[in-house]
């Protein structure tokens, strides 16, 4: 069974592109269009999704990526979360890493 990656981004084009990239690498992609949906998929259902990794956009309306990260980390501390943002800065990267992110990437992200 291939590994699964959850892609959380409010931009449908980004979700599709990341899904194609991870799919071409042999991973199964699941997607969530906002933080609320992601939290429900991971924490709120009777059969929660347990991906091998989460690609998480920071800048989303309503429930942003940092809030998602802060809620996931205590419950799923071993789940690697890679934070993505189009507005990268050292302060944001440090905050995300302290909140439990495994890595921090600035968009646009190259497939490598």
PDB file of N, CA and C in Angstrom:
ATOM      1  N   UNK A   1       0.836  -1.175   0.000  1.00  0.00           N
ATOM      2  CA  UNK A   1       0.000   0.000   0.000  1.00  0.00           C
ATOM      3  C   UNK A   1       0.883   1.241   0.000  1.00  0.00           C
ATOM      4  N   UNK A   2       0.562   2.209  -0.854  1.00  0.00           N
ATOM      5  CA  UNK A   2       1.401   3.399  -0.952  1.00  0.00           C
ATOM      6  C   UNK A   2       1.137   4.342   0.217  1.00  0.00           C
ATOM      7  N   UNK A   3       2.119   5.168   0.477  1.00  0.00           N
ATOM      8  CA  UNK A   3       1.977   6.130   1.560  1.00  0.00           C
ATOM      9  C   UNK A   3       1.018   7.236   1.142  1.00  0.00           C
ATOM     10  N   UNK A   4       0.382   7.819   2.137  1.00  0.00           N
ATOM     11  CA  UNK A   4      -0.653   8.811   1.895  1.00  0.00           C
ATOM     12  C   UNK A   4      -0.217  10.173   2.420  1.00  0.00           C
ATOM     13  N   UNK A   5      -0.489  11.209   1.638  1.00  0.00           N
ATOM     14  CA  UNK A   5      -0.166  12.576   2.032  1.00  0.00           C
ATOM     15  C   UNK A   5      -1.446  13.394   1.989  1.00  0.00           C
ATOM     16  N   UNK A   6      -1.710  14.111   3.072  1.00  0.00           N
ATOM     17  CA  UNK A   6      -2.851  15.020   3.119  1.00  0.00           C
ATOM     18  C   UNK A   6      -2.369  16.408   2.723  1.00  0.00           C
ATOM     19  N   UNK A   7      -3.005  16.983   1.713  1.00  0.00           N
ATOM     20  CA  UNK A   7      -2.669  18.318   1.225  1.00  0.00           C
ATOM     21  C   UNK A   7      -3.773  19.260   1.681  1.00  0.00           C
ATOM     22  N   UNK A   8      -3.398  20.276   2.474  1.00  0.00           N
ATOM     23  CA  UNK A   8      -4.373  21.224   3.008  1.00  0.00           C
ATOM     24  C   UNK A   8      -4.035  22.605   2.457  1.00  0.00           C
ATOM     25  N   UNK A   9      -4.877  23.099   1.557  1.00  0.00           N
ATOM     26  CA  UNK A   9      -4.645  24.402   0.931  1.00  0.00           C
ATOM     27  C   UNK A   9      -5.981  24.921   0.426  1.00  0.00           C
ATOM     28  N   UNK A  10      -6.261  26.196   0.649  1.00  0.00           N
ATOM     29  CA  UNK A  10      -7.523  26.768   0.197  1.00  0.00           C
ATOM     30  C   UNK A  10      -7.524  27.070  -1.300  1.00  0.00           C
ATOM     31  N   UNK A  11      -6.372  27.053  -1.933  1.00  0.00           N
ATOM     32  CA  UNK A  11      -6.260  27.333  -3.362  1.00  0.00           C
ATOM     33  C   UNK A  11      -6.412  26.028  -4.153  1.00  0.00           C
ATOM     34  N   UNK A  12      -7.494  25.892  -4.943  1.00  0.00           N
ATOM     35  CA  UNK A  12      -7.715  24.636  -5.666  1.00  0.00           C
ATOM     36  C   UNK A  12      -6.608  24.308  -6.664  1.00  0.00           C
ATOM     37  N   UNK A  13      -5.997  25.318  -7.249  1.00  0.00           N
ATOM     38  CA  UNK A  13      -4.906  25.076  -8.197  1.00  0.00           C
ATOM     39  C   UNK A  13      -3.706  24.480  -7.469  1.00  0.00           C
ATOM     40  N   UNK A  14      -3.366  25.027  -6.307  1.00  0.00           N
ATOM     41  CA  UNK A  14      -2.246  24.496  -5.526  1.00  0.00           C
ATOM     42  C   UNK A  14      -2.528  23.064  -5.079  1.00  0.00           C
ATOM     43  N   UNK A  15      -3.757  22.803  -4.610  1.00  0.00           N
ATOM     44  CA  UNK A  15      -4.111  21.438  -4.193  1.00  0.00           C
ATOM     45  C   UNK A  15      -3.926  20.458  -5.341  1.00  0.00           C
ATOM     46  N   UNK A  16      -4.406  20.837  -6.520  1.00  0.00           N
ATOM     47  CA  UNK A  16      -4.295  19.959  -7.683  1.00  0.00           C
ATOM     48  C   UNK A  16      -2.836  19.741  -8.067  1.00  0.00           C
ATOM     49  N   UNK A  17      -2.045  20.819  -8.105  1.00  0.00           N
ATOM     50  CA  UNK A  17      -0.628  20.690  -8.470  1.00  0.00           C
ATOM     51  C   UNK A  17       0.129  19.816  -7.478  1.00  0.00           C
ATOM     52  N   UNK A  18      -0.052  20.069  -6.188  1.00  0.00           N
ATOM     53  CA  UNK A  18       0.632  19.246  -5.181  1.00  0.00           C
ATOM     54  C   UNK A  18       0.160  17.797  -5.269  1.00  0.00           C
ATOM     55  N   UNK A  19      -1.133  17.607  -5.526  1.00  0.00           N
ATOM     56  CA  UNK A  19      -1.658  16.252  -5.672  1.00  0.00           C
ATOM     57  C   UNK A  19      -1.020  15.519  -6.841  1.00  0.00           C
ATOM     58  N   UNK A  20      -0.850  16.224  -7.954  1.00  0.00           N
ATOM     59  CA  UNK A  20      -0.197  15.616  -9.120  1.00  0.00           C
ATOM     60  C   UNK A  20       1.264  15.296  -8.830  1.00  0.00           C
ATOM     61  N   UNK A  21       1.939  16.197  -8.139  1.00  0.00           N
ATOM     62  CA  UNK A  21       3.358  15.973  -7.819  1.00  0.00           C
ATOM     63  C   UNK A  21       3.518  14.753  -6.919  1.00  0.00           C
ATOM     64  N   UNK A  22       2.751  14.706  -5.821  1.00  0.00           N
ATOM     65  CA  UNK A  22       2.918  13.569  -4.907  1.00  0.00           C
ATOM     66  C   UNK A  22       2.432  12.273  -5.559  1.00  0.00           C
ATOM     67  N   UNK A  23       1.411  12.366  -6.412  1.00  0.00           N
ATOM     68  CA  UNK A  23       0.948  11.183  -7.133  1.00  0.00           C
ATOM     69  C   UNK A  23       2.004  10.646  -8.084  1.00  0.00           C
ATOM     70  N   UNK A  24       2.723  11.550  -8.756  1.00  0.00           N
ATOM     71  CA  UNK A  24       3.771  11.117  -9.686  1.00  0.00           C
ATOM     72  C   UNK A  24       4.947  10.477  -8.958  1.00  0.00           C
ATOM     73  N   UNK A  25       5.035  10.729  -7.664  1.00  0.00           N
ATOM     74  CA  UNK A  25       6.103  10.138  -6.853  1.00  0.00           C
ATOM     75  C   UNK A  25       5.654   8.840  -6.186  1.00  0.00           C
ATOM     76  N   UNK A  26       4.440   8.402  -6.495  1.00  0.00           N
ATOM     77  CA  UNK A  26       3.955   7.132  -5.970  1.00  0.00           C
ATOM     78  C   UNK A  26       3.166   7.222  -4.679  1.00  0.00           C
ATOM     79  N   UNK A  27       2.861   8.437  -4.221  1.00  0.00           N
ATOM     80  CA  UNK A  27       2.074   8.617  -3.004  1.00  0.00           C
ATOM     81  C   UNK A  27       0.602   8.801  -3.364  1.00  0.00           C
ATOM     82  N   UNK A  28      -0.270   8.452  -2.437  1.00  0.00           N
ATOM     83  CA  UNK A  28      -1.696   8.737  -2.586  1.00  0.00           C
ATOM     84  C   UNK A  28      -1.959  10.092  -1.957  1.00  0.00           C
ATOM     85  N   UNK A  29      -2.681  10.941  -2.655  1.00  0.00           N
ATOM     86  CA  UNK A  29      -2.981  12.278  -2.145  1.00  0.00           C
ATOM     87  C   UNK A  29      -4.435  12.360  -1.700  1.00  0.00           C
ATOM     88  N   UNK A  30      -4.624  12.871  -0.496  1.00  0.00           N
ATOM     89  CA  UNK A  30      -5.946  13.263  -0.006  1.00  0.00           C
ATOM     90  C   UNK A  30      -5.887  14.778   0.100  1.00  0.00           C
ATOM     91  N   UNK A  31      -7.017  15.454  -0.053  1.00  0.00           N
ATOM     92  CA  UNK A  31      -6.992  16.911   0.017  1.00  0.00           C
ATOM     93  C   UNK A  31      -8.064  17.445   0.954  1.00  0.00           C
ATOM     94  N   UNK A  32      -7.763  18.617   1.499  1.00  0.00           N
ATOM     95  CA  UNK A  32      -8.712  19.372   2.307  1.00  0.00           C
ATOM     96  C   UNK A  32      -8.613  20.823   1.861  1.00  0.00           C
ATOM     97  N   UNK A  33      -9.760  21.477   1.685  1.00  0.00           N
ATOM     98  CA  UNK A  33      -9.738  22.839   1.168  1.00  0.00           C
ATOM     99  C   UNK A  33      -9.650  23.918   2.244  1.00  0.00           C
ATOM    100  N   UNK A  34      -9.638  23.517   3.499  1.00  0.00           N
ATOM    101  CA  UNK A  34      -9.409  24.488   4.573  1.00  0.00           C
ATOM    102  C   UNK A  34      -9.042  23.762   5.868  1.00  0.00           C
ATOM    103  N   UNK A  35      -8.673  24.554   6.859  1.00  0.00           N
ATOM    104  CA  UNK A  35      -8.223  23.985   8.121  1.00  0.00           C
ATOM    105  C   UNK A  35      -9.294  23.216   8.859  1.00  0.00           C
ATOM    106  N   UNK A  36     -10.536  23.699   8.790  1.00  0.00           N
ATOM    107  CA  UNK A  36     -11.649  23.009   9.450  1.00  0.00           C
ATOM    108  C   UNK A  36     -11.844  21.603   8.899  1.00  0.00           C
ATOM    109  N   UNK A  37     -11.817  21.493   7.579  1.00  0.00           N
ATOM    110  CA  UNK A  37     -11.990  20.188   6.930  1.00  0.00           C
ATOM    111  C   UNK A  37     -10.844  19.263   7.322  1.00  0.00           C
ATOM    112  N   UNK A  38      -9.622  19.792   7.329  1.00  0.00           N
ATOM    113  CA  UNK A  38      -8.455  18.978   7.697  1.00  0.00           C
ATOM    114  C   UNK A  38      -8.577  18.466   9.129  1.00  0.00           C
ATOM    115  N   UNK A  39      -8.945  19.346  10.050  1.00  0.00           N
ATOM    116  CA  UNK A  39      -9.088  18.924  11.449  1.00  0.00           C
ATOM    117  C   UNK A  39     -10.176  17.868  11.586  1.00  0.00           C
ATOM    118  N   UNK A  40     -11.272  18.040  10.856  1.00  0.00           N
ATOM    119  CA  UNK A  40     -12.341  17.047  10.908  1.00  0.00           C
ATOM    120  C   UNK A  40     -11.861  15.705  10.358  1.00  0.00           C
ATOM    121  N   UNK A  41     -11.112  15.735   9.261  1.00  0.00           N
ATOM    122  CA  UNK A  41     -10.598  14.493   8.671  1.00  0.00           C
ATOM    123  C   UNK A  41      -9.638  13.774   9.620  1.00  0.00           C
ATOM    124  N   UNK A  42      -8.821  14.555  10.326  1.00  0.00           N
ATOM    125  CA  UNK A  42      -7.768  13.974  11.162  1.00  0.00           C
ATOM    126  C   UNK A  42      -8.201  13.690  12.600  1.00  0.00           C
ATOM    127  N   UNK A  43      -9.108  14.503  13.123  1.00  0.00           N
ATOM    128  CA  UNK A  43      -9.448  14.389  14.544  1.00  0.00           C
ATOM    129  C   UNK A  43     -10.928  14.177  14.821  1.00  0.00           C
ATOM    130  N   UNK A  44     -11.793  14.543  13.879  1.00  0.00           N
ATOM    131  CA  UNK A  44     -13.203  14.621  14.206  1.00  0.00           C
ATOM    132  C   UNK A  44     -14.081  13.469  13.802  1.00  0.00           C
ATOM    133  N   UNK A  45     -13.558  12.508  13.112  1.00  0.00           N
ATOM    134  CA  UNK A  45     -14.450  11.446  12.650  1.00  0.00           C
ATOM    135  C   UNK A  45     -14.214  10.156  13.428  1.00  0.00           C
ATOM    136  N   UNK A  46     -15.168   9.226  13.285  1.00  0.00           N
ATOM    137  CA  UNK A  46     -15.024   7.918  13.933  1.00  0.00           C
ATOM    138  C   UNK A  46     -13.901   7.110  13.293  1.00  0.00           C
ATOM    139  N   UNK A  47     -13.630   7.375  12.026  1.00  0.00           N
ATOM    140  CA  UNK A  47     -12.563   6.694  11.286  1.00  0.00           C
ATOM    141  C   UNK A  47     -11.598   7.762  10.782  1.00  0.00           C
ATOM    142  N   UNK A  48     -10.775   8.318  11.668  1.00  0.00           N
ATOM    143  CA  UNK A  48      -9.914   9.431  11.258  1.00  0.00           C
ATOM    144  C   UNK A  48      -8.875   9.013  10.219  1.00  0.00           C
ATOM    145  N   UNK A  49      -8.572   9.956   9.359  1.00  0.00           N
ATOM    146  CA  UNK A  49      -7.525   9.768   8.366  1.00  0.00           C
ATOM    147  C   UNK A  49      -6.182   9.762   9.084  1.00  0.00           C
ATOM    148  N   UNK A  50      -5.312   8.846   8.706  1.00  0.00           N
ATOM    149  CA  UNK A  50      -3.973   8.775   9.295  1.00  0.00           C
ATOM    150  C   UNK A  50      -2.934   8.787   8.171  1.00  0.00           C
ATOM    151  N   UNK A  51      -2.698   9.970   7.599  1.00  0.00           N
ATOM    152  CA  UNK A  51      -1.717  10.059   6.522  1.00  0.00           C
ATOM    153  C   UNK A  51      -0.303   9.901   7.066  1.00  0.00           C
ATOM    154  N   UNK A  52       0.622   9.688   6.156  1.00  0.00           N
ATOM    155  CA  UNK A  52       2.029   9.585   6.536  1.00  0.00           C
ATOM    156  C   UNK A  52       2.672  10.958   6.666  1.00  0.00           C
ATOM    157  N   UNK A  53       2.032  11.972   6.081  1.00  0.00           N
ATOM    158  CA  UNK A  53       2.561  13.335   6.121  1.00  0.00           C
ATOM    159  C   UNK A  53       1.431  14.295   5.771  1.00  0.00           C
ATOM    160  N   UNK A  54       1.544  15.538   6.253  1.00  0.00           N
ATOM    161  CA  UNK A  54       0.591  16.592   5.900  1.00  0.00           C
ATOM    162  C   UNK A  54       1.368  17.749   5.282  1.00  0.00           C
ATOM    163  N   UNK A  55       0.905  18.219   4.117  1.00  0.00           N
ATOM    164  CA  UNK A  55       1.401  19.461   3.527  1.00  0.00           C
ATOM    165  C   UNK A  55       0.364  20.511   3.874  1.00  0.00           C
ATOM    166  N   UNK A  56       0.744  21.509   4.657  1.00  0.00           N
ATOM    167  CA  UNK A  56      -0.211  22.439   5.260  1.00  0.00           C
ATOM    168  C   UNK A  56       0.099  23.883   4.900  1.00  0.00           C
ATOM    169  N   UNK A  57      -0.833  24.516   4.182  1.00  0.00           N
ATOM    170  CA  UNK A  57      -0.707  25.939   3.876  1.00  0.00           C
ATOM    171  C   UNK A  57      -0.989  26.729   5.149  1.00  0.00           C
ATOM    172  N   UNK A  58      -0.192  27.749   5.400  1.00  0.00           N
ATOM    173  CA  UNK A  58      -0.403  28.566   6.595  1.00  0.00           C
ATOM    174  C   UNK A  58      -1.515  29.583   6.414  1.00  0.00           C
ATOM    175  N   UNK A  59      -1.580  30.201   5.248  1.00  0.00           N
ATOM    176  CA  UNK A  59      -2.493  31.323   5.030  1.00  0.00           C
ATOM    177  C   UNK A  59      -3.795  30.856   4.401  1.00  0.00           C
ATOM    178  N   UNK A  60      -4.768  30.575   5.274  1.00  0.00           N
ATOM    179  CA  UNK A  60      -6.097  30.164   4.832  1.00  0.00           C
ATOM    180  C   UNK A  60      -7.126  30.940   5.637  1.00  0.00           C
ATOM    181  N   UNK A  61      -8.301  31.191   5.038  1.00  0.00           N
ATOM    182  CA  UNK A  61      -9.348  31.884   5.797  1.00  0.00           C
ATOM    183  C   UNK A  61      -9.912  30.996   6.905  1.00  0.00           C
ATOM    184  N   UNK A  62     -10.589  31.620   7.824  1.00  0.00           N
ATOM    185  CA  UNK A  62     -11.215  30.940   8.961  1.00  0.00           C
ATOM    186  C   UNK A  62     -10.163  30.249   9.830  1.00  0.00           C
ATOM    187  N   UNK A  63      -9.984  28.955   9.684  1.00  0.00           N
ATOM    188  CA  UNK A  63      -8.994  28.228  10.491  1.00  0.00           C
ATOM    189  C   UNK A  63      -7.695  28.171   9.694  1.00  0.00           C
ATOM    190  N   UNK A  64      -6.706  28.942  10.127  1.00  0.00           N
ATOM    191  CA  UNK A  64      -5.443  28.994   9.383  1.00  0.00           C
ATOM    192  C   UNK A  64      -4.538  27.810   9.725  1.00  0.00           C
ATOM    193  N   UNK A  65      -3.461  27.694   8.975  1.00  0.00           N
ATOM    194  CA  UNK A  65      -2.553  26.565   9.140  1.00  0.00           C
ATOM    195  C   UNK A  65      -1.901  26.491  10.506  1.00  0.00           C
ATOM    196  N   UNK A  66      -1.580  27.633  11.092  1.00  0.00           N
ATOM    197  CA  UNK A  66      -0.943  27.620  12.413  1.00  0.00           C
ATOM    198  C   UNK A  66      -1.902  27.048  13.457  1.00  0.00           C
ATOM    199  N   UNK A  67      -3.171  27.396  13.359  1.00  0.00           N
ATOM    200  CA  UNK A  67      -4.172  26.847  14.279  1.00  0.00           C
ATOM    201  C   UNK A  67      -4.293  25.337  14.099  1.00  0.00           C
ATOM    202  N   UNK A  68      -4.309  24.884  12.847  1.00  0.00           N
ATOM    203  CA  UNK A  68      -4.364  23.446  12.574  1.00  0.00           C
ATOM    204  C   UNK A  68      -3.159  22.762  13.201  1.00  0.00           C
ATOM    205  N   UNK A  69      -1.984  23.318  12.975  1.00  0.00           N
ATOM    206  CA  UNK A  69      -0.749  22.742  13.507  1.00  0.00           C
ATOM    207  C   UNK A  69      -0.793  22.664  15.029  1.00  0.00           C
ATOM    208  N   UNK A  70      -1.237  23.726  15.675  1.00  0.00           N
ATOM    209  CA  UNK A  70      -1.295  23.759  17.141  1.00  0.00           C
ATOM    210  C   UNK A  70      -2.298  22.748  17.704  1.00  0.00           C
ATOM    211  N   UNK A  71      -3.348  22.433  16.954  1.00  0.00           N
ATOM    212  CA  UNK A  71      -4.325  21.432  17.410  1.00  0.00           C
ATOM    213  C   UNK A  71      -3.872  20.006  17.109  1.00  0.00           C
ATOM    214  N   UNK A  72      -3.119  19.831  16.017  1.00  0.00           N
ATOM    215  CA  UNK A  72      -2.662  18.489  15.643  1.00  0.00           C
ATOM    216  C   UNK A  72      -1.520  17.986  16.512  1.00  0.00           C
ATOM    217  N   UNK A  73      -0.571  18.857  16.804  1.00  0.00           N
ATOM    218  CA  UNK A  73       0.669  18.437  17.464  1.00  0.00           C
ATOM    219  C   UNK A  73       0.447  17.692  18.775  1.00  0.00           C
ATOM    220  N   UNK A  74      -0.418  18.166  19.686  1.00  0.00           N
ATOM    221  CA  UNK A  74      -0.598  17.414  20.939  1.00  0.00           C
ATOM    222  C   UNK A  74      -1.241  16.042  20.732  1.00  0.00           C
ATOM    223  N   UNK A  75      -2.136  15.933  19.753  1.00  0.00           N
ATOM    224  CA  UNK A  75      -2.860  14.685  19.519  1.00  0.00           C
ATOM    225  C   UNK A  75      -2.078  13.704  18.658  1.00  0.00           C
ATOM    226  N   UNK A  76      -1.385  14.228  17.650  1.00  0.00           N
ATOM    227  CA  UNK A  76      -0.631  13.389  16.704  1.00  0.00           C
ATOM    228  C   UNK A  76       0.818  13.879  16.629  1.00  0.00           C
ATOM    229  N   UNK A  77       1.563  13.741  17.716  1.00  0.00           N
ATOM    230  CA  UNK A  77       2.915  14.322  17.757  1.00  0.00           C
ATOM    231  C   UNK A  77       3.896  13.710  16.765  1.00  0.00           C
ATOM    232  N   UNK A  78       3.634  12.492  16.299  1.00  0.00           N
ATOM    233  CA  UNK A  78       4.557  11.837  15.366  1.00  0.00           C
ATOM    234  C   UNK A  78       4.184  12.053  13.904  1.00  0.00           C
ATOM    235  N   UNK A  79       3.118  12.792  13.639  1.00  0.00           N
ATOM    236  CA  UNK A  79       2.701  13.061  12.265  1.00  0.00           C
ATOM    237  C   UNK A  79       3.537  14.204  11.694  1.00  0.00           C
ATOM    238  N   UNK A  80       4.348  13.932  10.668  1.00  0.00           N
ATOM    239  CA  UNK A  80       5.147  15.010  10.075  1.00  0.00           C
ATOM    240  C   UNK A  80       4.247  16.001   9.329  1.00  0.00           C
ATOM    241  N   UNK A  81       4.393  17.273   9.676  1.00  0.00           N
ATOM    242  CA  UNK A  81       3.639  18.336   9.019  1.00  0.00           C
ATOM    243  C   UNK A  81       4.640  19.283   8.368  1.00  0.00           C
ATOM    244  N   UNK A  82       4.525  19.429   7.055  1.00  0.00           N
ATOM    245  CA  UNK A  82       5.370  20.359   6.312  1.00  0.00           C
ATOM    246  C   UNK A  82       4.520  21.587   6.028  1.00  0.00           C
ATOM    247  N   UNK A  83       4.953  22.722   6.558  1.00  0.00           N
ATOM    248  CA  UNK A  83       4.216  23.966   6.424  1.00  0.00           C
ATOM    249  C   UNK A  83       4.637  24.662   5.135  1.00  0.00           C
ATOM    250  N   UNK A  84       3.637  25.145   4.387  1.00  0.00           N
ATOM    251  CA  UNK A  84       3.862  25.857   3.133  1.00  0.00           C
ATOM    252  C   UNK A  84       3.289  27.259   3.254  1.00  0.00           C
ATOM    253  N   UNK A  85       4.011  28.251   2.744  1.00  0.00           N
ATOM    254  CA  UNK A  85       3.463  29.600   2.729  1.00  0.00           C
ATOM    255  C   UNK A  85       4.049  30.404   1.585  1.00  0.00           C
ATOM    256  N   UNK A  86       3.256  31.304   1.082  1.00  0.00           N
ATOM    257  CA  UNK A  86       3.724  32.214   0.045  1.00  0.00           C
ATOM    258  C   UNK A  86       4.350  33.452   0.643  1.00  0.00           C
ATOM    259  N   UNK A  87       4.234  33.600   1.939  1.00  0.00           N
ATOM    260  CA  UNK A  87       4.749  34.785   2.631  1.00  0.00           C
ATOM    261  C   UNK A  87       5.714  34.339   3.715  1.00  0.00           C
ATOM    262  N   UNK A  88       6.843  33.813   3.296  1.00  0.00           N
ATOM    263  CA  UNK A  88       7.798  33.249   4.246  1.00  0.00           C
ATOM    264  C   UNK A  88       8.652  34.306   4.905  1.00  0.00           C
ATOM    265  N   UNK A  89       8.928  34.079   6.137  1.00  0.00           N
ATOM    266  CA  UNK A  89       9.824  34.919   6.901  1.00  0.00           C
ATOM    267  C   UNK A  89      10.411  34.089   8.016  1.00  0.00           C
ATOM    268  N   UNK A  90      11.525  34.535   8.530  1.00  0.00           N
ATOM    269  CA  UNK A  90      12.192  33.785   9.587  1.00  0.00           C
ATOM    270  C   UNK A  90      11.284  33.642  10.802  1.00  0.00           C
ATOM    271  N   UNK A  91      10.572  34.711  11.179  1.00  0.00           N
ATOM    272  CA  UNK A  91       9.720  34.646  12.382  1.00  0.00           C
ATOM    273  C   UNK A  91       8.623  33.591  12.215  1.00  0.00           C
ATOM    274  N   UNK A  92       8.012  33.564  11.031  1.00  0.00           N
ATOM    275  CA  UNK A  92       6.942  32.595  10.795  1.00  0.00           C
ATOM    276  C   UNK A  92       7.500  31.178  10.786  1.00  0.00           C
ATOM    277  N   UNK A  93       8.658  31.002  10.175  1.00  0.00           N
ATOM    278  CA  UNK A  93       9.290  29.674  10.135  1.00  0.00           C
ATOM    279  C   UNK A  93       9.599  29.187  11.544  1.00  0.00           C
ATOM    280  N   UNK A  94      10.153  30.058  12.364  1.00  0.00           N
ATOM    281  CA  UNK A  94      10.485  29.691  13.745  1.00  0.00           C
ATOM    282  C   UNK A  94       9.212  29.351  14.514  1.00  0.00           C
ATOM    283  N   UNK A  95       8.176  30.160  14.353  1.00  0.00           N
ATOM    284  CA  UNK A  95       6.907  29.903  15.047  1.00  0.00           C
ATOM    285  C   UNK A  95       6.321  28.550  14.631  1.00  0.00           C
ATOM    286  N   UNK A  96       6.352  28.255  13.331  1.00  0.00           N
ATOM    287  CA  UNK A  96       5.816  26.980  12.842  1.00  0.00           C
ATOM    288  C   UNK A  96       6.625  25.801  13.372  1.00  0.00           C
ATOM    289  N   UNK A  97       7.934  25.925  13.374  1.00  0.00           N
ATOM    290  CA  UNK A  97       8.781  24.834  13.867  1.00  0.00           C
ATOM    291  C   UNK A  97       8.550  24.618  15.366  1.00  0.00           C
ATOM    292  N   UNK A  98       8.400  25.691  16.102  1.00  0.00           N
ATOM    293  CA  UNK A  98       8.129  25.563  17.547  1.00  0.00           C
ATOM    294  C   UNK A  98       6.764  24.941  17.810  1.00  0.00           C
ATOM    295  N   UNK A  99       5.832  25.172  16.887  1.00  0.00           N
ATOM    296  CA  UNK A  99       4.488  24.606  17.044  1.00  0.00           C
ATOM    297  C   UNK A  99       4.430  23.139  16.629  1.00  0.00           C
ATOM    298  N   UNK A 100       5.526  22.618  16.070  1.00  0.00           N
ATOM    299  CA  UNK A 100       5.569  21.197  15.752  1.00  0.00           C
ATOM    300  C   UNK A 100       5.787  20.838  14.297  1.00  0.00           C
ATOM    301  N   UNK A 101       5.974  21.825  13.428  1.00  0.00           N
ATOM    302  CA  UNK A 101       6.203  21.518  12.011  1.00  0.00           C
ATOM    303  C   UNK A 101       7.510  20.756  11.839  1.00  0.00           C
ATOM    304  N   UNK A 102       7.502  19.803  10.912  1.00  0.00           N
ATOM    305  CA  UNK A 102       8.716  19.043  10.597  1.00  0.00           C
ATOM    306  C   UNK A 102       9.604  19.826   9.647  1.00  0.00           C
ATOM    307  N   UNK A 103       8.987  20.686   8.821  1.00  0.00           N
ATOM    308  CA  UNK A 103       9.744  21.489   7.863  1.00  0.00           C
ATOM    309  C   UNK A 103       8.894  22.675   7.448  1.00  0.00           C
ATOM    310  N   UNK A 104       9.539  23.643   6.796  1.00  0.00           N
ATOM    311  CA  UNK A 104       8.892  24.884   6.390  1.00  0.00           C
ATOM    312  C   UNK A 104       9.371  25.208   4.986  1.00  0.00           C
ATOM    313  N   UNK A 105       8.444  25.341   4.045  1.00  0.00           N
ATOM    314  CA  UNK A 105       8.806  25.643   2.660  1.00  0.00           C
ATOM    315  C   UNK A 105       8.051  26.872   2.182  1.00  0.00           C
ATOM    316  N   UNK A 106       8.734  27.689   1.370  1.00  0.00           N
ATOM    317  CA  UNK A 106       8.118  28.886   0.807  1.00  0.00           C
ATOM    318  C   UNK A 106       7.633  28.567  -0.605  1.00  0.00           C
ATOM    319  N   UNK A 107       6.382  28.923  -0.899  1.00  0.00           N
ATOM    320  CA  UNK A 107       5.815  28.721  -2.234  1.00  0.00           C
ATOM    321  C   UNK A 107       6.445  29.710  -3.203  1.00  0.00           C
ATOM    322  N   UNK A 108       6.575  29.388  -4.456  1.00  0.00           N
ATOM    323  CA  UNK A 108       6.232  28.110  -5.056  1.00  0.00           C
ATOM    324  C   UNK A 108       7.257  27.048  -4.682  1.00  0.00           C
ATOM    325  N   UNK A 109       6.773  25.842  -4.489  1.00  0.00           N
ATOM    326  CA  UNK A 109       7.622  24.729  -4.069  1.00  0.00           C
ATOM    327  C   UNK A 109       7.982  23.893  -5.290  1.00  0.00           C
ATOM    328  N   UNK A 110       9.268  23.622  -5.454  1.00  0.00           N
ATOM    329  CA  UNK A 110       9.720  22.757  -6.548  1.00  0.00           C
ATOM    330  C   UNK A 110       9.480  21.298  -6.162  1.00  0.00           C
ATOM    331  N   UNK A 111       9.199  20.434  -7.120  1.00  0.00           N
ATOM    332  CA  UNK A 111       8.926  19.022  -6.818  1.00  0.00           C
ATOM    333  C   UNK A 111      10.033  18.308  -6.046  1.00  0.00           C
ATOM    334  N   UNK A 112      11.279  18.711  -6.210  1.00  0.00           N
ATOM    335  CA  UNK A 112      12.361  18.030  -5.505  1.00  0.00           C
ATOM    336  C   UNK A 112      12.158  18.207  -4.029  1.00  0.00           C
TER     337      UNK A 112
END
